């Protein structure tokens, strides 16, 4: 995954950070047996998804692949997946 730059965008980092904070809030209030705080934390988790999606829509996410990029990637994967012919010496 490191070579694909998967998730290395401001939109992804912001959305995940907000969702993580919401998860922590929900966890604390679940242990404290406070249902209102638990559901409030889940709202923060959903807010993280909304903020990440809005930032992606604003151009801070990964750009979409063009048809040429998809075709080139598919050809590269197909070429490496085919076994090389073995040459034997007689």
PDB file of N, CA and C in Angstrom:
ATOM      1  N   UNK A   1       0.800  -1.193   0.000  1.00  0.00           N
ATOM      2  CA  UNK A   1       0.000   0.000   0.000  1.00  0.00           C
ATOM      3  C   UNK A   1       0.841   1.254   0.000  1.00  0.00           C
ATOM      4  N   UNK A   2       2.052   1.151   0.461  1.00  0.00           N
ATOM      5  CA  UNK A   2       2.873   2.347   0.557  1.00  0.00           C
ATOM      6  C   UNK A   2       3.164   2.937  -0.811  1.00  0.00           C
ATOM      7  N   UNK A   3       3.265   2.093  -1.830  1.00  0.00           N
ATOM      8  CA  UNK A   3       3.570   2.585  -3.157  1.00  0.00           C
ATOM      9  C   UNK A   3       2.383   3.187  -3.872  1.00  0.00           C
ATOM     10  N   UNK A   4       1.172   2.995  -3.368  1.00  0.00           N
ATOM     11  CA  UNK A   4      -0.004   3.473  -4.078  1.00  0.00           C
ATOM     12  C   UNK A   4      -0.483   4.839  -3.600  1.00  0.00           C
ATOM     13  N   UNK A   5       0.118   5.394  -2.578  1.00  0.00           N
ATOM     14  CA  UNK A   5      -0.304   6.670  -1.987  1.00  0.00           C
ATOM     15  C   UNK A   5      -1.747   6.613  -1.522  1.00  0.00           C
ATOM     16  N   UNK A   6      -2.195   5.453  -1.090  1.00  0.00           N
ATOM     17  CA  UNK A   6      -3.573   5.264  -0.661  1.00  0.00           C
ATOM     18  C   UNK A   6      -3.822   6.019   0.642  1.00  0.00           C
ATOM     19  N   UNK A   7      -4.688   7.014   0.580  1.00  0.00           N
ATOM     20  CA  UNK A   7      -5.075   7.734   1.782  1.00  0.00           C
ATOM     21  C   UNK A   7      -4.143   8.842   2.223  1.00  0.00           C
ATOM     22  N   UNK A   8      -3.137   9.150   1.438  1.00  0.00           N
ATOM     23  CA  UNK A   8      -2.188  10.190   1.833  1.00  0.00           C
ATOM     24  C   UNK A   8      -2.637  11.546   1.297  1.00  0.00           C
ATOM     25  N   UNK A   9      -3.813  11.984   1.746  1.00  0.00           N
ATOM     26  CA  UNK A   9      -4.350  13.267   1.313  1.00  0.00           C
ATOM     27  C   UNK A   9      -4.880  14.013   2.535  1.00  0.00           C
ATOM     28  N   UNK A  10      -4.970  15.329   2.445  1.00  0.00           N
ATOM     29  CA  UNK A  10      -5.536  16.080   3.568  1.00  0.00           C
ATOM     30  C   UNK A  10      -6.971  15.661   3.890  1.00  0.00           C
ATOM     31  N   UNK A  11      -7.758  15.320   2.880  1.00  0.00           N
ATOM     32  CA  UNK A  11      -9.140  14.903   3.119  1.00  0.00           C
ATOM     33  C   UNK A  11      -9.176  13.610   3.934  1.00  0.00           C
ATOM     34  N   UNK A  12      -8.333  12.656   3.585  1.00  0.00           N
ATOM     35  CA  UNK A  12      -8.315  11.376   4.298  1.00  0.00           C
ATOM     36  C   UNK A  12      -7.825  11.554   5.726  1.00  0.00           C
ATOM     37  N   UNK A  13      -6.742  12.286   5.904  1.00  0.00           N
ATOM     38  CA  UNK A  13      -6.198  12.477   7.251  1.00  0.00           C
ATOM     39  C   UNK A  13      -7.194  13.205   8.152  1.00  0.00           C
ATOM     40  N   UNK A  14      -7.847  14.221   7.636  1.00  0.00           N
ATOM     41  CA  UNK A  14      -8.800  14.990   8.440  1.00  0.00           C
ATOM     42  C   UNK A  14     -10.019  14.150   8.804  1.00  0.00           C
ATOM     43  N   UNK A  15     -10.574  13.456   7.820  1.00  0.00           N
ATOM     44  CA  UNK A  15     -11.750  12.632   8.083  1.00  0.00           C
ATOM     45  C   UNK A  15     -11.469  11.522   9.083  1.00  0.00           C
ATOM     46  N   UNK A  16     -10.336  10.854   8.941  1.00  0.00           N
ATOM     47  CA  UNK A  16      -9.989   9.767   9.858  1.00  0.00           C
ATOM     48  C   UNK A  16      -9.699  10.302  11.256  1.00  0.00           C
ATOM     49  N   UNK A  17      -9.034  11.447  11.344  1.00  0.00           N
ATOM     50  CA  UNK A  17      -8.727  12.026  12.656  1.00  0.00           C
ATOM     51  C   UNK A  17     -10.009  12.393  13.402  1.00  0.00           C
ATOM     52  N   UNK A  18     -10.949  13.020  12.711  1.00  0.00           N
ATOM     53  CA  UNK A  18     -12.215  13.386  13.345  1.00  0.00           C
ATOM     54  C   UNK A  18     -12.983  12.130  13.760  1.00  0.00           C
ATOM     55  N   UNK A  19     -13.008  11.118  12.888  1.00  0.00           N
ATOM     56  CA  UNK A  19     -13.703   9.875  13.213  1.00  0.00           C
ATOM     57  C   UNK A  19     -13.052   9.179  14.406  1.00  0.00           C
ATOM     58  N   UNK A  20     -11.734   9.210  14.486  1.00  0.00           N
ATOM     59  CA  UNK A  20     -11.030   8.594  15.614  1.00  0.00           C
ATOM     60  C   UNK A  20     -11.369   9.305  16.923  1.00  0.00           C
ATOM     61  N   UNK A  21     -11.426  10.615  16.882  1.00  0.00           N
ATOM     62  CA  UNK A  21     -11.803  11.368  18.081  1.00  0.00           C
ATOM     63  C   UNK A  21     -13.225  11.003  18.502  1.00  0.00           C
ATOM     64  N   UNK A  22     -14.124  10.889  17.537  1.00  0.00           N
ATOM     65  CA  UNK A  22     -15.494  10.486  17.854  1.00  0.00           C
ATOM     66  C   UNK A  22     -15.558   9.082  18.438  1.00  0.00           C
ATOM     67  N   UNK A  23     -14.738   8.182  17.923  1.00  0.00           N
ATOM     68  CA  UNK A  23     -14.675   6.823  18.451  1.00  0.00           C
ATOM     69  C   UNK A  23     -14.196   6.844  19.902  1.00  0.00           C
ATOM     70  N   UNK A  24     -13.193   7.661  20.178  1.00  0.00           N
ATOM     71  CA  UNK A  24     -12.700   7.776  21.559  1.00  0.00           C
ATOM     72  C   UNK A  24     -13.765   8.343  22.483  1.00  0.00           C
ATOM     73  N   UNK A  25     -14.496   9.341  22.019  1.00  0.00           N
ATOM     74  CA  UNK A  25     -15.575   9.924  22.818  1.00  0.00           C
ATOM     75  C   UNK A  25     -16.625   8.856  23.123  1.00  0.00           C
ATOM     76  N   UNK A  26     -17.028   8.104  22.100  1.00  0.00           N
ATOM     77  CA  UNK A  26     -18.022   7.051  22.308  1.00  0.00           C
ATOM     78  C   UNK A  26     -17.524   5.996  23.284  1.00  0.00           C
ATOM     79  N   UNK A  27     -16.254   5.636  23.171  1.00  0.00           N
ATOM     80  CA  UNK A  27     -15.691   4.637  24.077  1.00  0.00           C
ATOM     81  C   UNK A  27     -15.698   5.087  25.522  1.00  0.00           C
ATOM     82  N   UNK A  28     -15.328   6.331  25.759  1.00  0.00           N
ATOM     83  CA  UNK A  28     -15.310   6.853  27.126  1.00  0.00           C
ATOM     84  C   UNK A  28     -16.718   6.875  27.707  1.00  0.00           C
ATOM     85  N   UNK A  29     -17.673   7.344  26.934  1.00  0.00           N
ATOM     86  CA  UNK A  29     -19.036   7.430  27.454  1.00  0.00           C
ATOM     87  C   UNK A  29     -19.712   6.065  27.549  1.00  0.00           C
ATOM     88  N   UNK A  30     -19.260   5.096  26.755  1.00  0.00           N
ATOM     89  CA  UNK A  30     -19.801   3.750  26.888  1.00  0.00           C
ATOM     90  C   UNK A  30     -19.350   3.149  28.224  1.00  0.00           C
ATOM     91  N   UNK A  31     -18.086   3.334  28.557  1.00  0.00           N
ATOM     92  CA  UNK A  31     -17.577   2.838  29.837  1.00  0.00           C
ATOM     93  C   UNK A  31     -18.240   3.580  31.001  1.00  0.00           C
ATOM     94  N   UNK A  32     -18.511   4.858  30.815  1.00  0.00           N
ATOM     95  CA  UNK A  32     -19.144   5.657  31.863  1.00  0.00           C
ATOM     96  C   UNK A  32     -20.655   5.429  31.944  1.00  0.00           C
ATOM     97  N   UNK A  33     -21.189   4.568  31.071  1.00  0.00           N
ATOM     98  CA  UNK A  33     -22.623   4.247  31.041  1.00  0.00           C
ATOM     99  C   UNK A  33     -23.482   5.494  30.826  1.00  0.00           C
ATOM    100  N   UNK A  34     -23.054   6.319  29.880  1.00  0.00           N
ATOM    101  CA  UNK A  34     -23.793   7.526  29.551  1.00  0.00           C
ATOM    102  C   UNK A  34     -24.222   7.424  28.082  1.00  0.00           C
ATOM    103  N   UNK A  35     -25.466   6.996  27.824  1.00  0.00           N
ATOM    104  CA  UNK A  35     -25.901   6.783  26.442  1.00  0.00           C
ATOM    105  C   UNK A  35     -25.891   8.047  25.586  1.00  0.00           C
ATOM    106  N   UNK A  36     -26.210   9.185  26.172  1.00  0.00           N
ATOM    107  CA  UNK A  36     -26.244  10.425  25.403  1.00  0.00           C
ATOM    108  C   UNK A  36     -24.849  10.779  24.883  1.00  0.00           C
ATOM    109  N   UNK A  37     -23.838  10.643  25.711  1.00  0.00           N
ATOM    110  CA  UNK A  37     -22.472  10.904  25.277  1.00  0.00           C
ATOM    111  C   UNK A  37     -21.997   9.903  24.246  1.00  0.00           C
ATOM    112  N   UNK A  38     -22.423   8.636  24.403  1.00  0.00           N
ATOM    113  CA  UNK A  38     -22.077   7.602  23.429  1.00  0.00           C
ATOM    114  C   UNK A  38     -22.613   7.962  22.050  1.00  0.00           C
ATOM    115  N   UNK A  39     -23.884   8.316  21.978  1.00  0.00           N
ATOM    116  CA  UNK A  39     -24.480   8.674  20.685  1.00  0.00           C
ATOM    117  C   UNK A  39     -23.902   9.981  20.145  1.00  0.00           C
ATOM    118  N   UNK A  40     -23.530  10.887  21.037  1.00  0.00           N
ATOM    119  CA  UNK A  40     -22.859  12.104  20.594  1.00  0.00           C
ATOM    120  C   UNK A  40     -21.524  11.789  19.934  1.00  0.00           C
ATOM    121  N   UNK A  41     -20.792  10.827  20.502  1.00  0.00           N
ATOM    122  CA  UNK A  41     -19.532  10.403  19.894  1.00  0.00           C
ATOM    123  C   UNK A  41     -19.738   9.789  18.524  1.00  0.00           C
ATOM    124  N   UNK A  42     -20.816   9.011  18.365  1.00  0.00           N
ATOM    125  CA  UNK A  42     -21.100   8.431  17.045  1.00  0.00           C
ATOM    126  C   UNK A  42     -21.461   9.508  16.024  1.00  0.00           C
ATOM    127  N   UNK A  43     -22.092  10.571  16.493  1.00  0.00           N
ATOM    128  CA  UNK A  43     -22.370  11.696  15.587  1.00  0.00           C
ATOM    129  C   UNK A  43     -21.062  12.318  15.117  1.00  0.00           C
ATOM    130  N   UNK A  44     -20.076  12.412  16.010  1.00  0.00           N
ATOM    131  CA  UNK A  44     -18.761  12.949  15.630  1.00  0.00           C
ATOM    132  C   UNK A  44     -18.086  12.023  14.620  1.00  0.00           C
ATOM    133  N   UNK A  45     -18.251  10.701  14.787  1.00  0.00           N
ATOM    134  CA  UNK A  45     -17.697   9.751  13.812  1.00  0.00           C
ATOM    135  C   UNK A  45     -18.300  10.010  12.435  1.00  0.00           C
ATOM    136  N   UNK A  46     -19.608  10.145  12.364  1.00  0.00           N
ATOM    137  CA  UNK A  46     -20.269  10.436  11.086  1.00  0.00           C
ATOM    138  C   UNK A  46     -19.842  11.788  10.529  1.00  0.00           C
ATOM    139  N   UNK A  47     -19.632  12.742  11.410  1.00  0.00           N
ATOM    140  CA  UNK A  47     -19.163  14.064  10.982  1.00  0.00           C
ATOM    141  C   UNK A  47     -17.798  13.952  10.301  1.00  0.00           C
ATOM    142  N   UNK A  48     -16.956  13.052  10.789  1.00  0.00           N
ATOM    143  CA  UNK A  48     -15.651  12.829  10.158  1.00  0.00           C
ATOM    144  C   UNK A  48     -15.799  12.380   8.716  1.00  0.00           C
ATOM    145  N   UNK A  49     -16.765  11.496   8.467  1.00  0.00           N
ATOM    146  CA  UNK A  49     -17.019  11.057   7.097  1.00  0.00           C
ATOM    147  C   UNK A  49     -17.533  12.171   6.209  1.00  0.00           C
ATOM    148  N   UNK A  50     -18.400  12.986   6.757  1.00  0.00           N
ATOM    149  CA  UNK A  50     -18.955  14.113   5.999  1.00  0.00           C
ATOM    150  C   UNK A  50     -17.857  15.130   5.673  1.00  0.00           C
ATOM    151  N   UNK A  51     -17.030  15.455   6.659  1.00  0.00           N
ATOM    152  CA  UNK A  51     -15.952  16.431   6.443  1.00  0.00           C
ATOM    153  C   UNK A  51     -14.946  15.887   5.422  1.00  0.00           C
ATOM    154  N   UNK A  52     -14.588  14.602   5.547  1.00  0.00           N
ATOM    155  CA  UNK A  52     -13.663  14.008   4.578  1.00  0.00           C
ATOM    156  C   UNK A  52     -14.231  14.026   3.167  1.00  0.00           C
ATOM    157  N   UNK A  53     -15.509  13.695   3.035  1.00  0.00           N
ATOM    158  CA  UNK A  53     -16.152  13.725   1.723  1.00  0.00           C
ATOM    159  C   UNK A  53     -16.235  15.130   1.147  1.00  0.00           C
ATOM    160  N   UNK A  54     -16.523  16.101   2.004  1.00  0.00           N
ATOM    161  CA  UNK A  54     -16.592  17.495   1.537  1.00  0.00           C
ATOM    162  C   UNK A  54     -15.221  17.994   1.097  1.00  0.00           C
ATOM    163  N   UNK A  55     -14.181  17.600   1.841  1.00  0.00           N
ATOM    164  CA  UNK A  55     -12.837  18.020   1.453  1.00  0.00           C
ATOM    165  C   UNK A  55     -12.411  17.358   0.147  1.00  0.00           C
ATOM    166  N   UNK A  56     -12.818  16.096  -0.043  1.00  0.00           N
ATOM    167  CA  UNK A  56     -12.509  15.421  -1.308  1.00  0.00           C
ATOM    168  C   UNK A  56     -13.214  16.119  -2.467  1.00  0.00           C
ATOM    169  N   UNK A  57     -14.473  16.496  -2.251  1.00  0.00           N
ATOM    170  CA  UNK A  57     -15.225  17.207  -3.283  1.00  0.00           C
ATOM    171  C   UNK A  57     -14.605  18.568  -3.585  1.00  0.00           C
ATOM    172  N   UNK A  58     -13.936  19.156  -2.588  1.00  0.00           N
ATOM    173  CA  UNK A  58     -13.289  20.459  -2.785  1.00  0.00           C
ATOM    174  C   UNK A  58     -11.930  20.335  -3.456  1.00  0.00           C
ATOM    175  N   UNK A  59     -11.518  19.096  -3.762  1.00  0.00           N
ATOM    176  CA  UNK A  59     -10.255  18.911  -4.484  1.00  0.00           C
ATOM    177  C   UNK A  59      -9.074  18.545  -3.613  1.00  0.00           C
ATOM    178  N   UNK A  60      -9.309  18.197  -2.349  1.00  0.00           N
ATOM    179  CA  UNK A  60      -8.203  17.861  -1.456  1.00  0.00           C
ATOM    180  C   UNK A  60      -8.003  16.359  -1.302  1.00  0.00           C
ATOM    181  N   UNK A  61      -8.696  15.565  -2.123  1.00  0.00           N
ATOM    182  CA  UNK A  61      -8.554  14.115  -2.092  1.00  0.00           C
ATOM    183  C   UNK A  61      -7.730  13.624  -3.277  1.00  0.00           C
ATOM    184  N   UNK A  62      -7.722  12.304  -3.445  1.00  0.00           N
ATOM    185  CA  UNK A  62      -6.997  11.721  -4.575  1.00  0.00           C
ATOM    186  C   UNK A  62      -7.734  12.044  -5.874  1.00  0.00           C
ATOM    187  N   UNK A  63      -7.000  12.425  -6.928  1.00  0.00           N
ATOM    188  CA  UNK A  63      -7.666  12.659  -8.207  1.00  0.00           C
ATOM    189  C   UNK A  63      -8.118  11.337  -8.811  1.00  0.00           C
ATOM    190  N   UNK A  64      -9.200  11.367  -9.564  1.00  0.00           N
ATOM    191  CA  UNK A  64      -9.698  10.159 -10.214  1.00  0.00           C
ATOM    192  C   UNK A  64      -8.784   9.784 -11.371  1.00  0.00           C
ATOM    193  N   UNK A  65      -8.666   8.478 -11.592  1.00  0.00           N
ATOM    194  CA  UNK A  65      -7.833   7.997 -12.687  1.00  0.00           C
ATOM    195  C   UNK A  65      -8.521   8.244 -14.022  1.00  0.00           C
ATOM    196  N   UNK A  66      -7.722   8.585 -15.017  1.00  0.00           N
ATOM    197  CA  UNK A  66      -8.253   8.720 -16.365  1.00  0.00           C
ATOM    198  C   UNK A  66      -8.357   7.329 -16.986  1.00  0.00           C
ATOM    199  N   UNK A  67      -9.069   7.231 -18.085  1.00  0.00           N
ATOM    200  CA  UNK A  67      -9.221   5.942 -18.768  1.00  0.00           C
ATOM    201  C   UNK A  67      -7.868   5.408 -19.233  1.00  0.00           C
ATOM    202  N   UNK A  68      -6.983   6.303 -19.667  1.00  0.00           N
ATOM    203  CA  UNK A  68      -5.652   5.880 -20.116  1.00  0.00           C
ATOM    204  C   UNK A  68      -4.839   5.309 -18.961  1.00  0.00           C
ATOM    205  N   UNK A  69      -4.952   5.892 -17.773  1.00  0.00           N
ATOM    206  CA  UNK A  69      -4.224   5.379 -16.614  1.00  0.00           C
ATOM    207  C   UNK A  69      -4.737   4.004 -16.203  1.00  0.00           C
ATOM    208  N   UNK A  70      -6.050   3.809 -16.251  1.00  0.00           N
ATOM    209  CA  UNK A  70      -6.630   2.510 -15.901  1.00  0.00           C
ATOM    210  C   UNK A  70      -6.167   1.454 -16.889  1.00  0.00           C
ATOM    211  N   UNK A  71      -6.176   1.783 -18.187  1.00  0.00           N
ATOM    212  CA  UNK A  71      -5.748   0.846 -19.221  1.00  0.00           C
ATOM    213  C   UNK A  71      -4.271   0.487 -19.061  1.00  0.00           C
ATOM    214  N   UNK A  72      -3.429   1.487 -18.767  1.00  0.00           N
ATOM    215  CA  UNK A  72      -1.996   1.228 -18.604  1.00  0.00           C
ATOM    216  C   UNK A  72      -1.736   0.361 -17.376  1.00  0.00           C
ATOM    217  N   UNK A  73      -2.449   0.615 -16.296  1.00  0.00           N
ATOM    218  CA  UNK A  73      -2.268  -0.194 -15.088  1.00  0.00           C
ATOM    219  C   UNK A  73      -2.707  -1.632 -15.338  1.00  0.00           C
ATOM    220  N   UNK A  74      -3.820  -1.812 -16.043  1.00  0.00           N
ATOM    221  CA  UNK A  74      -4.313  -3.156 -16.343  1.00  0.00           C
ATOM    222  C   UNK A  74      -3.325  -3.913 -17.224  1.00  0.00           C
ATOM    223  N   UNK A  75      -2.752  -3.236 -18.212  1.00  0.00           N
ATOM    224  CA  UNK A  75      -1.777  -3.887 -19.081  1.00  0.00           C
ATOM    225  C   UNK A  75      -0.514  -4.252 -18.314  1.00  0.00           C
ATOM    226  N   UNK A  76      -0.094  -3.403 -17.394  1.00  0.00           N
ATOM    227  CA  UNK A  76       1.108  -3.690 -16.614  1.00  0.00           C
ATOM    228  C   UNK A  76       0.889  -4.897 -15.703  1.00  0.00           C
ATOM    229  N   UNK A  77      -0.283  -4.984 -15.094  1.00  0.00           N
ATOM    230  CA  UNK A  77      -0.584  -6.117 -14.216  1.00  0.00           C
ATOM    231  C   UNK A  77      -0.677  -7.395 -15.030  1.00  0.00           C
ATOM    232  N   UNK A  78      -1.299  -7.323 -16.208  1.00  0.00           N
ATOM    233  CA  UNK A  78      -1.430  -8.501 -17.066  1.00  0.00           C
ATOM    234  C   UNK A  78      -0.065  -8.975 -17.545  1.00  0.00           C
ATOM    235  N   UNK A  79       0.812  -8.046 -17.872  1.00  0.00           N
ATOM    236  CA  UNK A  79       2.130  -8.412 -18.380  1.00  0.00           C
ATOM    237  C   UNK A  79       2.978  -9.078 -17.290  1.00  0.00           C
ATOM    238  N   UNK A  80       2.858  -8.637 -16.056  1.00  0.00           N
ATOM    239  CA  UNK A  80       3.650  -9.232 -14.980  1.00  0.00           C
ATOM    240  C   UNK A  80       3.028 -10.526 -14.476  1.00  0.00           C
ATOM    241  N   UNK A  81       1.732 -10.728 -14.720  1.00  0.00           N
ATOM    242  CA  UNK A  81       1.060 -11.934 -14.244  1.00  0.00           C
ATOM    243  C   UNK A  81       1.323 -13.145 -15.137  1.00  0.00           C
ATOM    244  N   UNK A  82       1.692 -12.915 -16.396  1.00  0.00           N
ATOM    245  CA  UNK A  82       1.940 -14.015 -17.317  1.00  0.00           C
ATOM    246  C   UNK A  82       3.299 -14.630 -17.000  1.00  0.00           C
ATOM    247  N   UNK A  83       3.334 -15.967 -16.899  1.00  0.00           N
ATOM    248  CA  UNK A  83       4.616 -16.611 -16.588  1.00  0.00           C
ATOM    249  C   UNK A  83       5.585 -16.499 -17.760  1.00  0.00           C
ATOM    250  N   UNK A  84       6.829 -16.314 -17.442  1.00  0.00           N
ATOM    251  CA  UNK A  84       7.854 -16.226 -18.467  1.00  0.00           C
ATOM    252  C   UNK A  84       8.116 -17.635 -19.012  1.00  0.00           C
ATOM    253  N   UNK A  85       8.413 -17.703 -20.298  1.00  0.00           N
ATOM    254  CA  UNK A  85       8.692 -19.012 -20.882  1.00  0.00           C
ATOM    255  C   UNK A  85      10.090 -19.456 -20.464  1.00  0.00           C
ATOM    256  N   UNK A  86      10.153 -20.673 -20.027  1.00  0.00           N
ATOM    257  CA  UNK A  86      11.438 -21.209 -19.564  1.00  0.00           C
ATOM    258  C   UNK A  86      12.206 -21.764 -20.761  1.00  0.00           C
ATOM    259  N   UNK A  87      13.457 -21.386 -20.848  1.00  0.00           N
ATOM    260  CA  UNK A  87      14.318 -21.903 -21.924  1.00  0.00           C
ATOM    261  C   UNK A  87      15.206 -22.977 -21.334  1.00  0.00           C
ATOM    262  N   UNK A  88      15.175 -24.110 -21.984  1.00  0.00           N
ATOM    263  CA  UNK A  88      16.003 -25.213 -21.506  1.00  0.00           C
ATOM    264  C   UNK A  88      17.131 -25.448 -22.492  1.00  0.00           C
ATOM    265  N   UNK A  89      18.268 -25.772 -21.978  1.00  0.00           N
ATOM    266  CA  UNK A  89      19.407 -26.061 -22.852  1.00  0.00           C
ATOM    267  C   UNK A  89      19.514 -27.568 -23.016  1.00  0.00           C
ATOM    268  N   UNK A  90      19.715 -28.010 -24.252  1.00  0.00           N
ATOM    269  CA  UNK A  90      19.789 -29.457 -24.494  1.00  0.00           C
ATOM    270  C   UNK A  90      21.167 -29.907 -24.778  1.00  0.00           C
TER     271      UNK A  90
END
